[in-house]
Amino acid sequence: MTIEKDFSFDSAHFLPNTPPGHKCGRLHGHTYLLTVGIKSNLLEVEQWVMDFGDIKKVVNPLIENLDHQLLNSIPGLENPTAEIMAKYIYNILKPDLPELHYIKVQETPTARSIYYGDEK
């Protein structure tokens, strides 16, 4: 079974590796929607995969570090594409959320990236 918990944060960024004149090369911001996907069997007693509050405890410190920041200034996010952000967030959260299945980073209502770790 898979459960999801959503979070949002507002940040600015620019994409330094875009072609000259590309609009994403200029400083701009997004209200990001972050979805954390947890996959596991139901716990026998609780009959849930994981307490949503436990996910929140792990993710909130990361959200606080990303919210209202220039993402490019964060080590590891110098080129903060949605793809790079999803992988970055996954790698930070995985040690404290062993059942983490995927991270989804949504920049706009129609643009998102999903990262499943090294799963092929």
PDB file of N, CA and C in Angstrom:
ATOM      1  N   MET A   1       0.855  -1.172   0.000  1.00  0.00           N
ATOM      2  CA  MET A   1       0.000   0.000   0.000  1.00  0.00           C
ATOM      3  C   MET A   1       0.897   1.229   0.000  1.00  0.00           C
ATOM      4  N   THR A   2       0.421   2.279  -0.642  1.00  0.00           N
ATOM      5  CA  THR A   2       1.161   3.532  -0.692  1.00  0.00           C
ATOM      6  C   THR A   2       0.307   4.644  -0.110  1.00  0.00           C
ATOM      7  N   ILE A   3       0.914   5.471   0.736  1.00  0.00           N
ATOM      8  CA  ILE A   3       0.261   6.667   1.239  1.00  0.00           C
ATOM      9  C   ILE A   3       1.071   7.878   0.769  1.00  0.00           C
ATOM     10  N   GLU A   4       0.405   9.025   0.727  1.00  0.00           N
ATOM     11  CA  GLU A   4       1.064  10.265   0.332  1.00  0.00           C
ATOM     12  C   GLU A   4       0.764  11.343   1.358  1.00  0.00           C
ATOM     13  N   LYS A   5       1.752  12.202   1.575  1.00  0.00           N
ATOM     14  CA  LYS A   5       1.580  13.387   2.424  1.00  0.00           C
ATOM     15  C   LYS A   5       2.112  14.570   1.639  1.00  0.00           C
ATOM     16  N   ASP A   6       1.304  15.629   1.540  1.00  0.00           N
ATOM     17  CA  ASP A   6       1.676  16.818   0.774  1.00  0.00           C
ATOM     18  C   ASP A   6       2.183  17.928   1.683  1.00  0.00           C
ATOM     19  N   PHE A   7       3.106  18.697   1.136  1.00  0.00           N
ATOM     20  CA  PHE A   7       3.677  19.868   1.790  1.00  0.00           C
ATOM     21  C   PHE A   7       3.818  20.942   0.724  1.00  0.00           C
ATOM     22  N   SER A   8       3.858  22.202   1.133  1.00  0.00           N
ATOM     23  CA  SER A   8       4.118  23.265   0.166  1.00  0.00           C
ATOM     24  C   SER A   8       5.133  24.240   0.740  1.00  0.00           C
ATOM     25  N   PHE A   9       5.837  24.892  -0.167  1.00  0.00           N
ATOM     26  CA  PHE A   9       6.790  25.923   0.214  1.00  0.00           C
ATOM     27  C   PHE A   9       6.979  26.863  -0.966  1.00  0.00           C
ATOM     28  N   ASP A  10       7.381  28.079  -0.660  1.00  0.00           N
ATOM     29  CA  ASP A  10       7.609  29.097  -1.673  1.00  0.00           C
ATOM     30  C   ASP A  10       9.095  29.398  -1.737  1.00  0.00           C
ATOM     31  N   SER A  11       9.649  29.344  -2.942  1.00  0.00           N
ATOM     32  CA  SER A  11      11.076  29.604  -3.122  1.00  0.00           C
ATOM     33  C   SER A  11      11.327  30.248  -4.469  1.00  0.00           C
ATOM     34  N   ALA A  12      12.464  30.907  -4.562  1.00  0.00           N
ATOM     35  CA  ALA A  12      12.920  31.483  -5.819  1.00  0.00           C
ATOM     36  C   ALA A  12      14.054  30.633  -6.366  1.00  0.00           C
ATOM     37  N   HIS A  13      14.223  30.692  -7.682  1.00  0.00           N
ATOM     38  CA  HIS A  13      15.354  30.020  -8.310  1.00  0.00           C
ATOM     39  C   HIS A  13      15.529  30.557  -9.725  1.00  0.00           C
ATOM     40  N   PHE A  14      16.623  30.156 -10.310  1.00  0.00           N
ATOM     41  CA  PHE A  14      16.861  30.360 -11.734  1.00  0.00           C
ATOM     42  C   PHE A  14      17.624  29.139 -12.203  1.00  0.00           C
ATOM     43  N   LEU A  15      17.522  28.832 -13.466  1.00  0.00           N
ATOM     44  CA  LEU A  15      18.193  27.649 -14.009  1.00  0.00           C
ATOM     45  C   LEU A  15      19.378  28.108 -14.848  1.00  0.00           C
ATOM     46  N   PRO A  16      20.593  27.983 -14.292  1.00  0.00           N
ATOM     47  CA  PRO A  16      21.773  28.548 -14.944  1.00  0.00           C
ATOM     48  C   PRO A  16      22.207  27.816 -16.207  1.00  0.00           C
ATOM     49  N   ASN A  17      21.726  26.615 -16.443  1.00  0.00           N
ATOM     50  CA  ASN A  17      22.178  25.832 -17.597  1.00  0.00           C
ATOM     51  C   ASN A  17      21.224  25.902 -18.783  1.00  0.00           C
ATOM     52  N   THR A  18      20.265  26.809 -18.733  1.00  0.00           N
ATOM     53  CA  THR A  18      19.329  26.945 -19.853  1.00  0.00           C
ATOM     54  C   THR A  18      19.998  27.728 -20.994  1.00  0.00           C
ATOM     55  N   PRO A  19      19.475  27.592 -22.206  1.00  0.00           N
ATOM     56  CA  PRO A  19      20.025  28.366 -23.333  1.00  0.00           C
ATOM     57  C   PRO A  19      19.878  29.871 -23.093  1.00  0.00           C
ATOM     58  N   PRO A  20      20.739  30.674 -23.675  1.00  0.00           N
ATOM     59  CA  PRO A  20      20.637  32.132 -23.520  1.00  0.00           C
ATOM     60  C   PRO A  20      19.238  32.628 -23.892  1.00  0.00           C
ATOM     61  N   GLY A  21      18.698  33.504 -23.044  1.00  0.00           N
ATOM     62  CA  GLY A  21      17.384  34.079 -23.289  1.00  0.00           C
ATOM     63  C   GLY A  21      16.211  33.249 -22.799  1.00  0.00           C
ATOM     64  N   HIS A  22      16.456  32.028 -22.346  1.00  0.00           N
ATOM     65  CA  HIS A  22      15.356  31.185 -21.845  1.00  0.00           C
ATOM     66  C   HIS A  22      14.772  31.813 -20.596  1.00  0.00           C
ATOM     67  N   LYS A  23      13.435  31.857 -20.495  1.00  0.00           N
ATOM     68  CA  LYS A  23      12.793  32.528 -19.367  1.00  0.00           C
ATOM     69  C   LYS A  23      13.173  31.932 -18.012  1.00  0.00           C
ATOM     70  N   CYS A  24      13.474  30.640 -17.960  1.00  0.00           N
ATOM     71  CA  CYS A  24      13.819  30.008 -16.682  1.00  0.00           C
ATOM     72  C   CYS A  24      15.238  30.353 -16.217  1.00  0.00           C
ATOM     73  N   GLY A  25      16.008  30.984 -17.088  1.00  0.00           N
ATOM     74  CA  GLY A  25      17.329  31.451 -16.692  1.00  0.00           C
ATOM     75  C   GLY A  25      17.268  32.715 -15.853  1.00  0.00           C
ATOM     76  N   ARG A  26      16.112  33.366 -15.844  1.00  0.00           N
ATOM     77  CA  ARG A  26      15.927  34.561 -15.021  1.00  0.00           C
ATOM     78  C   ARG A  26      15.383  34.166 -13.651  1.00  0.00           C
ATOM     79  N   LEU A  27      15.689  34.959 -12.667  1.00  0.00           N
ATOM     80  CA  LEU A  27      15.192  34.730 -11.316  1.00  0.00           C
ATOM     81  C   LEU A  27      13.666  34.772 -11.312  1.00  0.00           C
ATOM     82  N   HIS A  28      13.057  33.752 -10.719  1.00  0.00           N
ATOM     83  CA  HIS A  28      11.610  33.679 -10.595  1.00  0.00           C
ATOM     84  C   HIS A  28      11.263  32.762  -9.432  1.00  0.00           C
ATOM     85  N   GLY A  29      10.004  32.703  -9.069  1.00  0.00           N
ATOM     86  CA  GLY A  29       9.602  31.892  -7.922  1.00  0.00           C
ATOM     87  C   GLY A  29       8.448  30.971  -8.229  1.00  0.00           C
ATOM     88  N   HIS A  30       8.269  30.012  -7.337  1.00  0.00           N
ATOM     89  CA  HIS A  30       7.171  29.051  -7.436  1.00  0.00           C
ATOM     90  C   HIS A  30       6.616  28.794  -6.045  1.00  0.00           C
ATOM     91  N   THR A  31       5.365  28.421  -5.989  1.00  0.00           N
ATOM     92  CA  THR A  31       4.811  27.765  -4.809  1.00  0.00           C
ATOM     93  C   THR A  31       4.869  26.281  -5.140  1.00  0.00           C
ATOM     94  N   TYR A  32       5.837  25.624  -4.536  1.00  0.00           N
ATOM     95  CA  TYR A  32       6.065  24.209  -4.809  1.00  0.00           C
ATOM     96  C   TYR A  32       5.103  23.350  -4.001  1.00  0.00           C
ATOM     97  N   LEU A  33       4.650  22.269  -4.607  1.00  0.00           N
ATOM     98  CA  LEU A  33       3.913  21.231  -3.900  1.00  0.00           C
ATOM     99  C   LEU A  33       4.816  20.014  -3.856  1.00  0.00           C
ATOM    100  N   LEU A  34       5.134  19.577  -2.667  1.00  0.00           N
ATOM    101  CA  LEU A  34       5.977  18.405  -2.445  1.00  0.00           C
ATOM    102  C   LEU A  34       5.088  17.266  -1.957  1.00  0.00           C
ATOM    103  N   THR A  35       5.153  16.134  -2.631  1.00  0.00           N
ATOM    104  CA  THR A  35       4.419  14.946  -2.212  1.00  0.00           C
ATOM    105  C   THR A  35       5.426  13.877  -1.811  1.00  0.00           C
ATOM    106  N   VAL A  36       5.236  13.346  -0.607  1.00  0.00           N
ATOM    107  CA  VAL A  36       6.081  12.280  -0.080  1.00  0.00           C
ATOM    108  C   VAL A  36       5.274  10.991  -0.152  1.00  0.00           C
ATOM    109  N   GLY A  37       5.770  10.017  -0.911  1.00  0.00           N
ATOM    110  CA  GLY A  37       5.088   8.735  -1.067  1.00  0.00           C
ATOM    111  C   GLY A  37       5.774   7.658  -0.238  1.00  0.00           C
ATOM    112  N   ILE A  38       5.021   7.025   0.626  1.00  0.00           N
ATOM    113  CA  ILE A  38       5.529   5.959   1.504  1.00  0.00           C
ATOM    114  C   ILE A  38       4.851   4.659   1.101  1.00  0.00           C
ATOM    115  N   LYS A  39       5.657   3.604   0.926  1.00  0.00           N
ATOM    116  CA  LYS A  39       5.105   2.308   0.516  1.00  0.00           C
ATOM    117  C   LYS A  39       5.521   1.248   1.527  1.00  0.00           C
ATOM    118  N   SER A  40       4.530   0.536   2.047  1.00  0.00           N
ATOM    119  CA  SER A  40       4.792  -0.527   3.012  1.00  0.00           C
ATOM    120  C   SER A  40       3.513  -1.327   3.214  1.00  0.00           C
ATOM    121  N   ASN A  41       3.630  -2.366   3.981  1.00  0.00           N
ATOM    122  CA  ASN A  41       2.458  -3.126   4.387  1.00  0.00           C
ATOM    123  C   ASN A  41       1.754  -2.389   5.518  1.00  0.00           C
ATOM    124  N   LEU A  42       0.477  -2.665   5.687  1.00  0.00           N
ATOM    125  CA  LEU A  42      -0.248  -2.099   6.824  1.00  0.00           C
ATOM    126  C   LEU A  42       0.331  -2.648   8.117  1.00  0.00           C
ATOM    127  N   LEU A  43       0.491  -1.769   9.095  1.00  0.00           N
ATOM    128  CA  LEU A  43       0.902  -2.237  10.418  1.00  0.00           C
ATOM    129  C   LEU A  43      -0.251  -3.030  11.015  1.00  0.00           C
ATOM    130  N   GLU A  44       0.082  -4.123  11.670  1.00  0.00           N
ATOM    131  CA  GLU A  44      -0.939  -5.056  12.127  1.00  0.00           C
ATOM    132  C   GLU A  44      -1.920  -4.436  13.104  1.00  0.00           C
ATOM    133  N   VAL A  45      -1.413  -3.732  14.092  1.00  0.00           N
ATOM    134  CA  VAL A  45      -2.296  -3.173  15.122  1.00  0.00           C
ATOM    135  C   VAL A  45      -2.994  -1.909  14.639  1.00  0.00           C
ATOM    136  N   GLU A  46      -2.201  -0.956  14.117  1.00  0.00           N
ATOM    137  CA  GLU A  46      -2.761   0.339  13.744  1.00  0.00           C
ATOM    138  C   GLU A  46      -3.588   0.286  12.462  1.00  0.00           C
ATOM    139  N   GLN A  47      -3.284  -0.676  11.580  1.00  0.00           N
ATOM    140  CA  GLN A  47      -3.957  -0.800  10.285  1.00  0.00           C
ATOM    141  C   GLN A  47      -3.723   0.437   9.412  1.00  0.00           C
ATOM    142  N   TRP A  48      -2.506   0.963   9.497  1.00  0.00           N
ATOM    143  CA  TRP A  48      -2.069   2.033   8.618  1.00  0.00           C
ATOM    144  C   TRP A  48      -0.659   1.741   8.179  1.00  0.00           C
ATOM    145  N   VAL A  49      -0.196   2.416   7.154  1.00  0.00           N
ATOM    146  CA  VAL A  49       1.182   2.248   6.673  1.00  0.00           C
ATOM    147  C   VAL A  49       2.140   2.973   7.600  1.00  0.00           C
ATOM    148  N   MET A  50       1.798   4.212   7.949  1.00  0.00           N
ATOM    149  CA  MET A  50       2.632   5.034   8.815  1.00  0.00           C
ATOM    150  C   MET A  50       1.776   6.187   9.318  1.00  0.00           C
ATOM    151  N   ASP A  51       2.071   6.660  10.484  1.00  0.00           N
ATOM    152  CA  ASP A  51       1.383   7.825  11.033  1.00  0.00           C
ATOM    153  C   ASP A  51       1.777   9.056  10.206  1.00  0.00           C
ATOM    154  N   PHE A  52       0.797   9.759   9.653  1.00  0.00           N
ATOM    155  CA  PHE A  52       1.084  10.959   8.865  1.00  0.00           C
ATOM    156  C   PHE A  52       1.860  11.986   9.696  1.00  0.00           C
ATOM    157  N   GLY A  53       1.609  12.015  10.995  1.00  0.00           N
ATOM    158  CA  GLY A  53       2.339  12.927  11.883  1.00  0.00           C
ATOM    159  C   GLY A  53       3.818  12.618  11.937  1.00  0.00           C
ATOM    160  N   ASP A  54       4.181  11.343  11.831  1.00  0.00           N
ATOM    161  CA  ASP A  54       5.596  10.961  11.828  1.00  0.00           C
ATOM    162  C   ASP A  54       6.288  11.420  10.547  1.00  0.00           C
ATOM    163  N   ILE A  55       5.567  11.380   9.435  1.00  0.00           N
ATOM    164  CA  ILE A  55       6.125  11.882   8.180  1.00  0.00           C
ATOM    165  C   ILE A  55       6.371  13.389   8.313  1.00  0.00           C
ATOM    166  N   LYS A  56       5.382  14.086   8.858  1.00  0.00           N
ATOM    167  CA  LYS A  56       5.478  15.536   9.034  1.00  0.00           C
ATOM    168  C   LYS A  56       6.691  15.913   9.891  1.00  0.00           C
ATOM    169  N   LYS A  57       6.953  15.156  10.945  1.00  0.00           N
ATOM    170  CA  LYS A  57       8.101  15.443  11.825  1.00  0.00           C
ATOM    171  C   LYS A  57       9.423  15.363  11.071  1.00  0.00           C
ATOM    172  N   VAL A  58       9.517  14.441  10.131  1.00  0.00           N
ATOM    173  CA  VAL A  58      10.751  14.272   9.358  1.00  0.00           C
ATOM    174  C   VAL A  58      10.870  15.335   8.273  1.00  0.00           C
ATOM    175  N   VAL A  59       9.773  15.669   7.624  1.00  0.00           N
ATOM    176  CA  VAL A  59       9.814  16.550   6.456  1.00  0.00           C
ATOM    177  C   VAL A  59       9.838  18.035   6.836  1.00  0.00           C
ATOM    178  N   ASN A  60       9.174  18.421   7.907  1.00  0.00           N
ATOM    179  CA  ASN A  60       9.073  19.841   8.235  1.00  0.00           C
ATOM    180  C   ASN A  60      10.409  20.566   8.371  1.00  0.00           C
ATOM    181  N   PRO A  61      11.441  19.990   8.989  1.00  0.00           N
ATOM    182  CA  PRO A  61      12.718  20.713   9.039  1.00  0.00           C
ATOM    183  C   PRO A  61      13.290  21.006   7.649  1.00  0.00           C
ATOM    184  N   LEU A  62      13.116  20.102   6.713  1.00  0.00           N
ATOM    185  CA  LEU A  62      13.573  20.335   5.348  1.00  0.00           C
ATOM    186  C   LEU A  62      12.766  21.462   4.700  1.00  0.00           C
ATOM    187  N   ILE A  63      11.459  21.444   4.886  1.00  0.00           N
ATOM    188  CA  ILE A  63      10.606  22.492   4.338  1.00  0.00           C
ATOM    189  C   ILE A  63      11.040  23.857   4.877  1.00  0.00           C
ATOM    190  N   GLU A  64      11.330  23.921   6.157  1.00  0.00           N
ATOM    191  CA  GLU A  64      11.780  25.182   6.763  1.00  0.00           C
ATOM    192  C   GLU A  64      13.066  25.675   6.108  1.00  0.00           C
ATOM    193  N   ASN A  65      13.948  24.765   5.709  1.00  0.00           N
ATOM    194  CA  ASN A  65      15.209  25.153   5.062  1.00  0.00           C
ATOM    195  C   ASN A  65      15.011  25.604   3.612  1.00  0.00           C
ATOM    196  N   LEU A  66      13.945  25.162   2.964  1.00  0.00           N
ATOM    197  CA  LEU A  66      13.696  25.511   1.565  1.00  0.00           C
ATOM    198  C   LEU A  66      12.767  26.714   1.408  1.00  0.00           C
ATOM    199  N   ASP A  67      11.895  26.927   2.373  1.00  0.00           N
ATOM    200  CA  ASP A  67      10.863  27.953   2.251  1.00  0.00           C
ATOM    201  C   ASP A  67      11.457  29.358   2.246  1.00  0.00           C
ATOM    202  N   HIS A  68      11.023  30.157   1.277  1.00  0.00           N
ATOM    203  CA  HIS A  68      11.454  31.550   1.126  1.00  0.00           C
ATOM    204  C   HIS A  68      12.970  31.680   1.033  1.00  0.00           C
ATOM    205  N   GLN A  69      13.570  30.791   0.259  1.00  0.00           N
ATOM    206  CA  GLN A  69      15.009  30.809   0.006  1.00  0.00           C
ATOM    207  C   GLN A  69      15.258  30.912  -1.491  1.00  0.00           C
ATOM    208  N   LEU A  70      16.453  31.354  -1.826  1.00  0.00           N
ATOM    209  CA  LEU A  70      16.943  31.240  -3.193  1.00  0.00           C
ATOM    210  C   LEU A  70      17.559  29.849  -3.283  1.00  0.00           C
ATOM    211  N   LEU A  71      16.896  28.946  -3.954  1.00  0.00           N
ATOM    212  CA  LEU A  71      17.320  27.543  -3.973  1.00  0.00           C
ATOM    213  C   LEU A  71      18.738  27.376  -4.496  1.00  0.00           C
ATOM    214  N   ASN A  72      19.146  28.193  -5.457  1.00  0.00           N
ATOM    215  CA  ASN A  72      20.490  28.092  -6.033  1.00  0.00           C
ATOM    216  C   ASN A  72      21.592  28.259  -4.995  1.00  0.00           C
ATOM    217  N   SER A  73      21.294  28.899  -3.875  1.00  0.00           N
ATOM    218  CA  SER A  73      22.309  29.134  -2.844  1.00  0.00           C
ATOM    219  C   SER A  73      22.460  27.957  -1.880  1.00  0.00           C
ATOM    220  N   ILE A  74      21.641  26.928  -2.035  1.00  0.00           N
ATOM    221  CA  ILE A  74      21.704  25.745  -1.167  1.00  0.00           C
ATOM    222  C   ILE A  74      22.625  24.716  -1.813  1.00  0.00           C
ATOM    223  N   PRO A  75      23.675  24.271  -1.094  1.00  0.00           N
ATOM    224  CA  PRO A  75      24.564  23.256  -1.675  1.00  0.00           C
ATOM    225  C   PRO A  75      23.787  22.024  -2.145  1.00  0.00           C
ATOM    226  N   GLY A  76      24.035  21.648  -3.386  1.00  0.00           N
ATOM    227  CA  GLY A  76      23.325  20.534  -4.004  1.00  0.00           C
ATOM    228  C   GLY A  76      22.195  20.988  -4.905  1.00  0.00           C
ATOM    229  N   LEU A  77      21.811  22.259  -4.782  1.00  0.00           N
ATOM    230  CA  LEU A  77      20.717  22.788  -5.602  1.00  0.00           C
ATOM    231  C   LEU A  77      21.176  23.982  -6.445  1.00  0.00           C
ATOM    232  N   GLU A  78      22.397  23.955  -6.860  1.00  0.00           N
ATOM    233  CA  GLU A  78      22.920  25.057  -7.662  1.00  0.00           C
ATOM    234  C   GLU A  78      22.192  25.174  -9.009  1.00  0.00           C
ATOM    235  N   ASN A  79      21.679  24.063  -9.509  1.00  0.00           N
ATOM    236  CA  ASN A  79      20.863  24.039 -10.739  1.00  0.00           C
ATOM    237  C   ASN A  79      19.529  23.378 -10.368  1.00  0.00           C
ATOM    238  N   PRO A  80      18.649  24.133  -9.679  1.00  0.00           N
ATOM    239  CA  PRO A  80      17.479  23.519  -9.057  1.00  0.00           C
ATOM    240  C   PRO A  80      16.308  23.258 -10.007  1.00  0.00           C
ATOM    241  N   THR A  81      16.517  22.332 -10.941  1.00  0.00           N
ATOM    242  CA  THR A  81      15.406  21.857 -11.756  1.00  0.00           C
ATOM    243  C   THR A  81      14.490  21.017 -10.863  1.00  0.00           C
ATOM    244  N   ALA A  82      13.285  20.783 -11.303  1.00  0.00           N
ATOM    245  CA  ALA A  82      12.372  19.931 -10.532  1.00  0.00           C
ATOM    246  C   ALA A  82      12.963  18.539 -10.350  1.00  0.00           C
ATOM    247  N   GLU A  83      13.681  18.057 -11.367  1.00  0.00           N
ATOM    248  CA  GLU A  83      14.290  16.723 -11.303  1.00  0.00           C
ATOM    249  C   GLU A  83      15.386  16.676 -10.230  1.00  0.00           C
ATOM    250  N   ILE A  84      16.242  17.687 -10.235  1.00  0.00           N
ATOM    251  CA  ILE A  84      17.329  17.744  -9.246  1.00  0.00           C
ATOM    252  C   ILE A  84      16.750  17.908  -7.845  1.00  0.00           C
ATOM    253  N   MET A  85      15.714  18.725  -7.717  1.00  0.00           N
ATOM    254  CA  MET A  85      15.092  18.925  -6.406  1.00  0.00           C
ATOM    255  C   MET A  85      14.475  17.631  -5.873  1.00  0.00           C
ATOM    256  N   ALA A  86      13.795  16.881  -6.731  1.00  0.00           N
ATOM    257  CA  ALA A  86      13.175  15.627  -6.286  1.00  0.00           C
ATOM    258  C   ALA A  86      14.236  14.652  -5.776  1.00  0.00           C
ATOM    259  N   LYS A  87      15.331  14.528  -6.510  1.00  0.00           N
ATOM    260  CA  LYS A  87      16.407  13.625  -6.090  1.00  0.00           C
ATOM    261  C   LYS A  87      17.066  14.120  -4.800  1.00  0.00           C
ATOM    262  N   TYR A  88      17.318  15.409  -4.707  1.00  0.00           N
ATOM    263  CA  TYR A  88      17.921  16.018  -3.518  1.00  0.00           C
ATOM    264  C   TYR A  88      17.058  15.736  -2.282  1.00  0.00           C
ATOM    265  N   ILE A  89      15.756  15.995  -2.392  1.00  0.00           N
ATOM    266  CA  ILE A  89      14.842  15.799  -1.260  1.00  0.00           C
ATOM    267  C   ILE A  89      14.753  14.319  -0.896  1.00  0.00           C
ATOM    268  N   TYR A  90      14.662  13.455  -1.885  1.00  0.00           N
ATOM    269  CA  TYR A  90      14.613  12.012  -1.633  1.00  0.00           C
ATOM    270  C   TYR A  90      15.833  11.577  -0.820  1.00  0.00           C
ATOM    271  N   ASN A  91      17.009  11.994  -1.267  1.00  0.00           N
ATOM    272  CA  ASN A  91      18.247  11.568  -0.594  1.00  0.00           C
ATOM    273  C   ASN A  91      18.359  12.101   0.825  1.00  0.00           C
ATOM    274  N   ILE A  92      17.812  13.271   1.080  1.00  0.00           N
ATOM    275  CA  ILE A  92      17.828  13.807   2.448  1.00  0.00           C
ATOM    276  C   ILE A  92      16.856  13.038   3.342  1.00  0.00           C
ATOM    277  N   LEU A  93      15.682  12.726   2.830  1.00  0.00           N
ATOM    278  CA  LEU A  93      14.642  12.110   3.652  1.00  0.00           C
ATOM    279  C   LEU A  93      14.786  10.603   3.832  1.00  0.00           C
ATOM    280  N   LYS A  94      15.356   9.925   2.864  1.00  0.00           N
ATOM    281  CA  LYS A  94      15.403   8.457   2.882  1.00  0.00           C
ATOM    282  C   LYS A  94      15.998   7.862   4.161  1.00  0.00           C
ATOM    283  N   PRO A  95      17.091   8.404   4.712  1.00  0.00           N
ATOM    284  CA  PRO A  95      17.633   7.802   5.939  1.00  0.00           C
ATOM    285  C   PRO A  95      16.647   7.806   7.113  1.00  0.00           C
ATOM    286  N   ASP A  96      15.788   8.812   7.200  1.00  0.00           N
ATOM    287  CA  ASP A  96      14.832   8.896   8.304  1.00  0.00           C
ATOM    288  C   ASP A  96      13.450   8.358   7.945  1.00  0.00           C
ATOM    289  N   LEU A  97      13.253   8.042   6.665  1.00  0.00           N
ATOM    290  CA  LEU A  97      11.998   7.438   6.197  1.00  0.00           C
ATOM    291  C   LEU A  97      12.345   6.232   5.326  1.00  0.00           C
ATOM    292  N   PRO A  98      12.745   5.126   5.936  1.00  0.00           N
ATOM    293  CA  PRO A  98      13.185   3.967   5.149  1.00  0.00           C
ATOM    294  C   PRO A  98      12.138   3.443   4.170  1.00  0.00           C
ATOM    295  N   GLU A  99      10.848   3.676   4.461  1.00  0.00           N
ATOM    296  CA  GLU A  99       9.777   3.207   3.581  1.00  0.00           C
ATOM    297  C   GLU A  99       9.487   4.198   2.453  1.00  0.00           C
ATOM    298  N   LEU A 100      10.305   5.269   2.336  1.00  0.00           N
ATOM    299  CA  LEU A 100      10.095   6.268   1.293  1.00  0.00           C
ATOM    300  C   LEU A 100      10.119   5.592  -0.070  1.00  0.00           C
ATOM    301  N   HIS A 101       9.068   5.803  -0.856  1.00  0.00           N
ATOM    302  CA  HIS A 101       8.936   5.184  -2.169  1.00  0.00           C
ATOM    303  C   HIS A 101       9.250   6.187  -3.281  1.00  0.00           C
ATOM    304  N   TYR A 102       8.767   7.412  -3.132  1.00  0.00           N
ATOM    305  CA  TYR A 102       9.048   8.427  -4.142  1.00  0.00           C
ATOM    306  C   TYR A 102       8.843   9.817  -3.570  1.00  0.00           C
ATOM    307  N   ILE A 103       9.396  10.774  -4.285  1.00  0.00           N
ATOM    308  CA  ILE A 103       9.208  12.201  -4.020  1.00  0.00           C
ATOM    309  C   ILE A 103       8.678  12.823  -5.306  1.00  0.00           C
ATOM    310  N   LYS A 104       7.647  13.632  -5.165  1.00  0.00           N
ATOM    311  CA  LYS A 104       7.109  14.380  -6.299  1.00  0.00           C
ATOM    312  C   LYS A 104       7.270  15.864  -5.991  1.00  0.00           C
ATOM    313  N   VAL A 105       7.908  16.591  -6.905  1.00  0.00           N
ATOM    314  CA  VAL A 105       8.060  18.037  -6.790  1.00  0.00           C
ATOM    315  C   VAL A 105       7.265  18.663  -7.922  1.00  0.00           C
ATOM    316  N   GLN A 106       6.270  19.461  -7.560  1.00  0.00           N
ATOM    317  CA  GLN A 106       5.415  20.110  -8.544  1.00  0.00           C
ATOM    318  C   GLN A 106       5.661  21.613  -8.486  1.00  0.00           C
ATOM    319  N   GLU A 107       6.098  22.172  -9.632  1.00  0.00           N
ATOM    320  CA  GLU A 107       6.381  23.608  -9.725  1.00  0.00           C
ATOM    321  C   GLU A 107       5.141  24.427 -10.058  1.00  0.00           C
ATOM    322  N   THR A 108       4.322  23.890 -10.915  1.00  0.00           N
ATOM    323  CA  THR A 108       3.097  24.560 -11.358  1.00  0.00           C
ATOM    324  C   THR A 108       2.005  23.497 -11.408  1.00  0.00           C
ATOM    325  N   PRO A 109       0.763  23.896 -11.618  1.00  0.00           N
ATOM    326  CA  PRO A 109      -0.292  22.887 -11.691  1.00  0.00           C
ATOM    327  C   PRO A 109      -0.094  21.848 -12.800  1.00  0.00           C
ATOM    328  N   THR A 110       0.757  22.152 -13.794  1.00  0.00           N
ATOM    329  CA  THR A 110       0.914  21.229 -14.917  1.00  0.00           C
ATOM    330  C   THR A 110       2.336  20.701 -15.096  1.00  0.00           C
ATOM    331  N   ALA A 111       3.259  21.026 -14.167  1.00  0.00           N
ATOM    332  CA  ALA A 111       4.654  20.608 -14.333  1.00  0.00           C
ATOM    333  C   ALA A 111       5.199  20.023 -13.035  1.00  0.00           C
ATOM    334  N   ARG A 112       5.690  18.777 -13.124  1.00  0.00           N
ATOM    335  CA  ARG A 112       6.184  18.090 -11.928  1.00  0.00           C
ATOM    336  C   ARG A 112       7.234  17.056 -12.299  1.00  0.00           C
ATOM    337  N   SER A 113       7.986  16.622 -11.291  1.00  0.00           N
ATOM    338  CA  SER A 113       8.963  15.544 -11.445  1.00  0.00           C
ATOM    339  C   SER A 113       8.781  14.561 -10.304  1.00  0.00           C
ATOM    340  N   ILE A 114       8.930  13.284 -10.625  1.00  0.00           N
ATOM    341  CA  ILE A 114       8.812  12.222  -9.603  1.00  0.00           C
ATOM    342  C   ILE A 114      10.106  11.426  -9.607  1.00  0.00           C
ATOM    343  N   TYR A 115      10.665  11.223  -8.419  1.00  0.00           N
ATOM    344  CA  TYR A 115      11.911  10.472  -8.278  1.00  0.00           C
ATOM    345  C   TYR A 115      11.682   9.284  -7.353  1.00  0.00           C
ATOM    346  N   TYR A 116      12.071   8.095  -7.850  1.00  0.00           N
ATOM    347  CA  TYR A 116      11.881   6.835  -7.125  1.00  0.00           C
ATOM    348  C   TYR A 116      13.187   6.280  -6.587  1.00  0.00           C
ATOM    349  N   GLY A 117      14.149   7.095  -6.297  1.00  0.00           N
ATOM    350  CA  GLY A 117      15.432   6.582  -5.865  1.00  0.00           C
ATOM    351  C   GLY A 117      16.151   5.945  -7.042  1.00  0.00           C
ATOM    352  N   ASP A 118      16.916   4.935  -6.758  1.00  0.00           N
ATOM    353  CA  ASP A 118      17.664   4.266  -7.824  1.00  0.00           C
ATOM    354  C   ASP A 118      16.863   3.144  -8.466  1.00  0.00           C
ATOM    355  N   GLU A 119      15.565   3.075  -8.149  1.00  0.00           N
ATOM    356  CA  GLU A 119      14.690   2.055  -8.718  1.00  0.00           C
ATOM    357  C   GLU A 119      14.650   2.199 -10.233  1.00  0.00           C
ATOM    358  N   LYS A 120      14.687   1.093 -10.922  1.00  0.00           N
ATOM    359  CA  LYS A 120      14.654   1.125 -12.380  1.00  0.00           C
ATOM    360  C   LYS A 120      13.320   0.681 -12.899  1.00  0.00           C
TER     361      LYS A 120
END
